[in-house]
Amino acid sequence: MTLSITTSTLADGAVEVSPRGEIDVENAYEIREAVAAQLNEGTPARIELNMQHVTFIDSVGISALVAAFQLAGVSGVKVIVTRPSRFAHKQLWVTGLLGLFGNPQPHEEAVVTS
C-alpha cells in the first residue's frame, strides 16, 4: 500500500497532517516534508498528526516522526499525534515515544453490527 498525506487547517489555527497507508523506509521522508511545508507557509499554533488511517509504521517511519517533531520545535511549534491506529499506537508505546507526542489514546475502530 502506498502513502498519501492530506493537510487541513483546523478552527483554532492548528494544522492537521493526515497520513493514510503505510509509513516505511520507502516513503517516511514524506512525513517530515509535509511538516516542513507547513512550517514554510507560516507558524501554525501546532501541528497534529492524525494517524487513524496509518496501517503500518516501521522504525524509519518512527524516526521521521521524531525528525518532524524536532524540526517543528526549532520554530517553536509543537507536534502531537492524534487518533493513532492501534498499530501506530503500539509502535509509539514500544519505542517510548507516546509522551513525546502528547500521550494519544488509540483510535477506536467503528464497530460494524449486522
N, C-alpha and C. Protein backbone atom coordinates (compact mmCIF):
# COMPACT_ATOMS: atom_id res chain seq x y z
N MET A 1 0.85 -1.19 0.00
CA MET A 1 0.00 0.00 0.00
C MET A 1 0.89 1.24 0.00
N THR A 2 0.43 2.25 -0.65
CA THR A 2 1.20 3.48 -0.72
C THR A 2 0.77 4.43 0.39
N LEU A 3 1.47 5.53 0.47
CA LEU A 3 1.18 6.55 1.47
C LEU A 3 0.62 7.78 0.77
N SER A 4 -0.47 8.31 1.32
CA SER A 4 -0.96 9.61 0.86
C SER A 4 -1.10 10.49 2.08
N ILE A 5 -0.90 11.78 1.89
CA ILE A 5 -0.94 12.72 3.00
C ILE A 5 -1.82 13.90 2.62
N THR A 6 -2.78 14.20 3.47
CA THR A 6 -3.60 15.39 3.27
C THR A 6 -3.36 16.34 4.43
N THR A 7 -3.54 17.61 4.18
CA THR A 7 -3.39 18.61 5.24
C THR A 7 -4.61 19.52 5.25
N SER A 8 -4.93 20.00 6.43
CA SER A 8 -6.04 20.95 6.57
C SER A 8 -5.75 21.84 7.76
N THR A 9 -6.39 23.01 7.77
CA THR A 9 -6.25 23.93 8.89
C THR A 9 -7.49 23.80 9.76
N LEU A 10 -7.27 23.60 11.04
CA LEU A 10 -8.36 23.46 12.00
C LEU A 10 -8.85 24.82 12.46
N ALA A 11 -10.00 24.87 13.08
CA ALA A 11 -10.63 26.13 13.50
C ALA A 11 -9.75 26.95 14.43
N ASP A 12 -8.94 26.28 15.25
CA ASP A 12 -8.11 27.02 16.22
C ASP A 12 -6.75 27.43 15.66
N GLY A 13 -6.54 27.24 14.36
CA GLY A 13 -5.29 27.65 13.73
C GLY A 13 -4.24 26.56 13.66
N ALA A 14 -4.53 25.41 14.25
CA ALA A 14 -3.61 24.28 14.14
C ALA A 14 -3.71 23.68 12.75
N VAL A 15 -2.67 23.00 12.34
CA VAL A 15 -2.66 22.32 11.06
C VAL A 15 -2.73 20.82 11.33
N GLU A 16 -3.61 20.15 10.61
CA GLU A 16 -3.72 18.70 10.73
C GLU A 16 -3.08 18.07 9.50
N VAL A 17 -2.12 17.19 9.74
CA VAL A 17 -1.47 16.42 8.69
C VAL A 17 -1.95 14.98 8.86
N SER A 18 -2.59 14.44 7.83
CA SER A 18 -3.22 13.12 7.93
C SER A 18 -2.63 12.15 6.93
N PRO A 19 -1.67 11.32 7.39
CA PRO A 19 -1.15 10.29 6.50
C PRO A 19 -2.14 9.12 6.43
N ARG A 20 -2.17 8.45 5.28
CA ARG A 20 -3.04 7.30 5.08
C ARG A 20 -2.22 6.20 4.40
N GLY A 21 -2.18 5.03 5.04
CA GLY A 21 -1.47 3.90 4.45
C GLY A 21 -0.30 3.48 5.30
N GLU A 22 0.75 3.04 4.64
CA GLU A 22 1.93 2.52 5.32
C GLU A 22 3.06 3.55 5.29
N ILE A 23 3.69 3.74 6.45
CA ILE A 23 4.84 4.64 6.55
C ILE A 23 6.05 3.74 6.76
N ASP A 24 6.93 3.70 5.76
CA ASP A 24 8.08 2.81 5.84
C ASP A 24 9.30 3.45 5.20
N VAL A 25 10.34 2.66 5.06
CA VAL A 25 11.62 3.16 4.56
C VAL A 25 11.48 3.82 3.18
N GLU A 26 10.50 3.41 2.40
CA GLU A 26 10.33 3.94 1.05
C GLU A 26 9.75 5.36 1.03
N ASN A 27 8.96 5.71 2.06
CA ASN A 27 8.23 6.98 1.97
C ASN A 27 8.22 7.80 3.26
N ALA A 28 8.94 7.36 4.28
CA ALA A 28 8.90 8.05 5.58
C ALA A 28 9.29 9.52 5.46
N TYR A 29 10.19 9.83 4.54
CA TYR A 29 10.63 11.22 4.36
C TYR A 29 9.45 12.15 4.05
N GLU A 30 8.36 11.59 3.50
CA GLU A 30 7.21 12.41 3.13
C GLU A 30 6.54 13.05 4.35
N ILE A 31 6.60 12.36 5.49
CA ILE A 31 6.03 12.92 6.72
C ILE A 31 6.82 14.17 7.12
N ARG A 32 8.14 14.05 7.15
CA ARG A 32 8.97 15.20 7.51
C ARG A 32 8.77 16.34 6.51
N GLU A 33 8.69 16.01 5.24
CA GLU A 33 8.49 17.03 4.22
C GLU A 33 7.14 17.73 4.37
N ALA A 34 6.11 16.98 4.75
CA ALA A 34 4.78 17.57 4.94
C ALA A 34 4.80 18.56 6.10
N VAL A 35 5.49 18.23 7.17
CA VAL A 35 5.62 19.14 8.31
C VAL A 35 6.45 20.35 7.91
N ALA A 36 7.56 20.12 7.20
CA ALA A 36 8.41 21.23 6.75
C ALA A 36 7.63 22.19 5.86
N ALA A 37 6.78 21.66 4.99
CA ALA A 37 5.99 22.50 4.10
C ALA A 37 5.05 23.40 4.90
N GLN A 38 4.46 22.87 5.95
CA GLN A 38 3.57 23.67 6.79
C GLN A 38 4.33 24.78 7.51
N LEU A 39 5.54 24.46 7.95
CA LEU A 39 6.37 25.45 8.64
C LEU A 39 6.83 26.54 7.68
N ASN A 40 7.05 26.17 6.41
CA ASN A 40 7.47 27.15 5.40
C ASN A 40 6.35 28.13 5.07
N GLU A 41 5.09 27.69 5.27
CA GLU A 41 3.94 28.55 4.95
C GLU A 41 3.62 29.53 6.08
N GLY A 42 4.17 29.28 7.26
CA GLY A 42 3.88 30.15 8.40
C GLY A 42 4.16 29.41 9.69
N THR A 43 3.68 29.95 10.79
CA THR A 43 3.87 29.31 12.08
C THR A 43 2.51 28.93 12.64
N PRO A 44 2.09 27.68 12.41
CA PRO A 44 0.78 27.27 12.93
C PRO A 44 0.81 27.17 14.46
N ALA A 45 -0.37 27.20 15.06
CA ALA A 45 -0.48 27.07 16.52
C ALA A 45 0.16 25.76 16.98
N ARG A 46 -0.07 24.71 16.23
CA ARG A 46 0.54 23.39 16.46
C ARG A 46 0.28 22.56 15.21
N ILE A 47 0.96 21.45 15.14
CA ILE A 47 0.74 20.51 14.04
C ILE A 47 0.27 19.20 14.64
N GLU A 48 -0.90 18.75 14.19
CA GLU A 48 -1.46 17.49 14.65
C GLU A 48 -1.28 16.44 13.56
N LEU A 49 -0.65 15.34 13.93
CA LEU A 49 -0.52 14.21 13.00
C LEU A 49 -1.66 13.24 13.30
N ASN A 50 -2.70 13.29 12.49
CA ASN A 50 -3.85 12.40 12.66
C ASN A 50 -3.49 11.06 12.01
N MET A 51 -3.21 10.07 12.84
CA MET A 51 -2.69 8.79 12.35
C MET A 51 -3.72 7.66 12.40
N GLN A 52 -5.00 8.01 12.32
CA GLN A 52 -6.02 6.98 12.40
C GLN A 52 -6.02 6.04 11.20
N HIS A 53 -5.50 6.49 10.06
CA HIS A 53 -5.51 5.67 8.86
C HIS A 53 -4.13 5.10 8.52
N VAL A 54 -3.22 5.11 9.49
CA VAL A 54 -1.89 4.52 9.29
C VAL A 54 -2.00 3.03 9.60
N THR A 55 -1.77 2.21 8.60
CA THR A 55 -1.92 0.76 8.77
C THR A 55 -0.61 0.09 9.18
N PHE A 56 0.52 0.78 8.96
CA PHE A 56 1.83 0.22 9.29
C PHE A 56 2.81 1.37 9.43
N ILE A 57 3.72 1.25 10.39
CA ILE A 57 4.82 2.21 10.51
C ILE A 57 6.03 1.46 11.04
N ASP A 58 7.15 1.59 10.34
CA ASP A 58 8.37 0.90 10.77
C ASP A 58 9.29 1.87 11.51
N SER A 59 10.49 1.40 11.84
CA SER A 59 11.41 2.23 12.61
C SER A 59 11.84 3.47 11.85
N VAL A 60 11.94 3.40 10.54
CA VAL A 60 12.29 4.58 9.75
C VAL A 60 11.14 5.59 9.81
N GLY A 61 9.91 5.10 9.81
CA GLY A 61 8.75 5.98 9.95
C GLY A 61 8.73 6.66 11.30
N ILE A 62 9.03 5.91 12.35
CA ILE A 62 9.09 6.48 13.70
C ILE A 62 10.17 7.55 13.75
N SER A 63 11.30 7.26 13.13
CA SER A 63 12.40 8.22 13.08
C SER A 63 11.97 9.51 12.35
N ALA A 64 11.18 9.36 11.30
CA ALA A 64 10.69 10.54 10.56
C ALA A 64 9.75 11.37 11.43
N LEU A 65 8.94 10.71 12.27
CA LEU A 65 8.06 11.45 13.18
C LEU A 65 8.90 12.27 14.17
N VAL A 66 9.95 11.66 14.69
CA VAL A 66 10.83 12.36 15.63
C VAL A 66 11.53 13.53 14.93
N ALA A 67 11.98 13.31 13.70
CA ALA A 67 12.63 14.39 12.94
C ALA A 67 11.66 15.54 12.70
N ALA A 68 10.40 15.23 12.40
CA ALA A 68 9.39 16.26 12.20
C ALA A 68 9.14 17.02 13.51
N PHE A 69 9.10 16.30 14.61
CA PHE A 69 8.92 16.90 15.94
C PHE A 69 10.06 17.89 16.22
N GLN A 70 11.29 17.46 15.95
CA GLN A 70 12.45 18.31 16.20
C GLN A 70 12.48 19.52 15.27
N LEU A 71 12.15 19.31 14.01
CA LEU A 71 12.13 20.40 13.04
C LEU A 71 11.12 21.47 13.46
N ALA A 72 9.93 21.04 13.85
CA ALA A 72 8.91 21.99 14.28
C ALA A 72 9.33 22.68 15.57
N GLY A 73 9.97 21.96 16.45
CA GLY A 73 10.41 22.52 17.73
C GLY A 73 11.35 23.69 17.56
N VAL A 74 12.18 23.65 16.53
CA VAL A 74 13.10 24.76 16.24
C VAL A 74 12.32 26.04 15.97
N SER A 75 11.12 25.89 15.39
CA SER A 75 10.27 27.05 15.10
C SER A 75 9.30 27.35 16.23
N GLY A 76 9.41 26.61 17.32
CA GLY A 76 8.52 26.83 18.45
C GLY A 76 7.13 26.24 18.27
N VAL A 77 7.00 25.29 17.35
CA VAL A 77 5.70 24.67 17.06
C VAL A 77 5.69 23.26 17.65
N LYS A 78 4.64 22.94 18.36
CA LYS A 78 4.50 21.61 18.96
C LYS A 78 3.85 20.67 17.96
N VAL A 79 4.37 19.45 17.88
CA VAL A 79 3.78 18.41 17.05
C VAL A 79 3.21 17.35 17.99
N ILE A 80 1.93 17.02 17.78
CA ILE A 80 1.31 15.95 18.55
C ILE A 80 0.69 14.93 17.60
N VAL A 81 0.53 13.73 18.10
CA VAL A 81 -0.15 12.68 17.35
C VAL A 81 -1.58 12.61 17.88
N THR A 82 -2.54 12.54 16.97
CA THR A 82 -3.93 12.38 17.37
C THR A 82 -4.50 11.13 16.72
N ARG A 83 -5.42 10.49 17.40
CA ARG A 83 -6.19 9.36 16.89
C ARG A 83 -5.33 8.28 16.23
N PRO A 84 -4.23 7.84 16.86
CA PRO A 84 -3.41 6.82 16.21
C PRO A 84 -4.16 5.51 16.06
N SER A 85 -3.92 4.84 14.94
CA SER A 85 -4.45 3.48 14.77
C SER A 85 -3.85 2.62 15.87
N ARG A 86 -4.44 1.48 16.12
CA ARG A 86 -3.89 0.60 17.17
C ARG A 86 -2.45 0.23 16.86
N PHE A 87 -2.13 -0.02 15.59
CA PHE A 87 -0.76 -0.38 15.22
C PHE A 87 0.19 0.77 15.50
N ALA A 88 -0.17 1.97 15.07
CA ALA A 88 0.69 3.14 15.29
C ALA A 88 0.85 3.40 16.79
N HIS A 89 -0.23 3.27 17.54
CA HIS A 89 -0.18 3.49 18.98
C HIS A 89 0.79 2.49 19.62
N LYS A 90 0.70 1.25 19.22
CA LYS A 90 1.59 0.22 19.78
C LYS A 90 3.05 0.53 19.47
N GLN A 91 3.34 0.97 18.25
CA GLN A 91 4.71 1.29 17.87
C GLN A 91 5.24 2.48 18.69
N LEU A 92 4.41 3.48 18.90
CA LEU A 92 4.83 4.63 19.71
C LEU A 92 5.03 4.21 21.18
N TRP A 93 4.18 3.31 21.66
CA TRP A 93 4.32 2.83 23.03
C TRP A 93 5.59 2.01 23.20
N VAL A 94 5.84 1.08 22.28
CA VAL A 94 7.02 0.21 22.35
C VAL A 94 8.31 1.03 22.31
N THR A 95 8.31 2.09 21.52
CA THR A 95 9.52 2.91 21.41
C THR A 95 9.64 3.96 22.51
N GLY A 96 8.63 4.04 23.37
CA GLY A 96 8.68 5.01 24.47
C GLY A 96 8.40 6.43 24.05
N LEU A 97 7.74 6.62 22.91
CA LEU A 97 7.53 7.97 22.38
C LEU A 97 6.12 8.51 22.55
N LEU A 98 5.24 7.77 23.21
CA LEU A 98 3.88 8.28 23.38
C LEU A 98 3.87 9.63 24.08
N GLY A 99 4.66 9.77 25.12
CA GLY A 99 4.71 11.03 25.87
C GLY A 99 5.20 12.19 25.04
N LEU A 100 6.16 11.93 24.18
CA LEU A 100 6.70 12.98 23.31
C LEU A 100 5.61 13.58 22.43
N PHE A 101 4.70 12.71 21.99
CA PHE A 101 3.66 13.14 21.05
C PHE A 101 2.31 13.38 21.71
N GLY A 102 2.30 13.65 23.02
CA GLY A 102 1.07 14.07 23.69
C GLY A 102 0.23 12.96 24.31
N ASN A 103 0.79 11.78 24.47
CA ASN A 103 0.07 10.64 25.08
C ASN A 103 -1.30 10.38 24.44
N PRO A 104 -1.35 10.23 23.12
CA PRO A 104 -2.65 10.00 22.48
C PRO A 104 -3.21 8.61 22.81
N GLN A 105 -4.52 8.53 22.88
CA GLN A 105 -5.18 7.24 23.05
C GLN A 105 -5.41 6.64 21.66
N PRO A 106 -5.41 5.31 21.56
CA PRO A 106 -5.64 4.71 20.24
C PRO A 106 -7.03 5.03 19.72
N HIS A 107 -7.10 5.22 18.43
CA HIS A 107 -8.38 5.49 17.77
C HIS A 107 -9.20 4.20 17.78
N GLU A 108 -10.42 4.29 18.22
CA GLU A 108 -11.29 3.12 18.23
C GLU A 108 -11.92 2.96 16.86
N GLU A 109 -11.74 1.79 16.29
CA GLU A 109 -12.34 1.49 15.00
C GLU A 109 -13.85 1.40 15.19
N ALA A 110 -14.59 1.79 14.18
CA ALA A 110 -16.05 1.70 14.25
C ALA A 110 -16.45 0.22 14.29
N VAL A 111 -17.37 -0.08 15.13
CA VAL A 111 -17.86 -1.45 15.23
C VAL A 111 -19.03 -1.60 14.28
N VAL A 112 -18.93 -2.59 13.40
CA VAL A 112 -19.99 -2.83 12.43
C VAL A 112 -20.88 -3.94 12.97
N THR A 113 -22.16 -3.66 13.05
CA THR A 113 -23.11 -4.68 13.51
C THR A 113 -24.03 -5.06 12.36
N SER A 114 -24.39 -6.31 12.35
CA SER A 114 -25.28 -6.79 11.27
C SER A 114 -26.72 -6.65 11.63
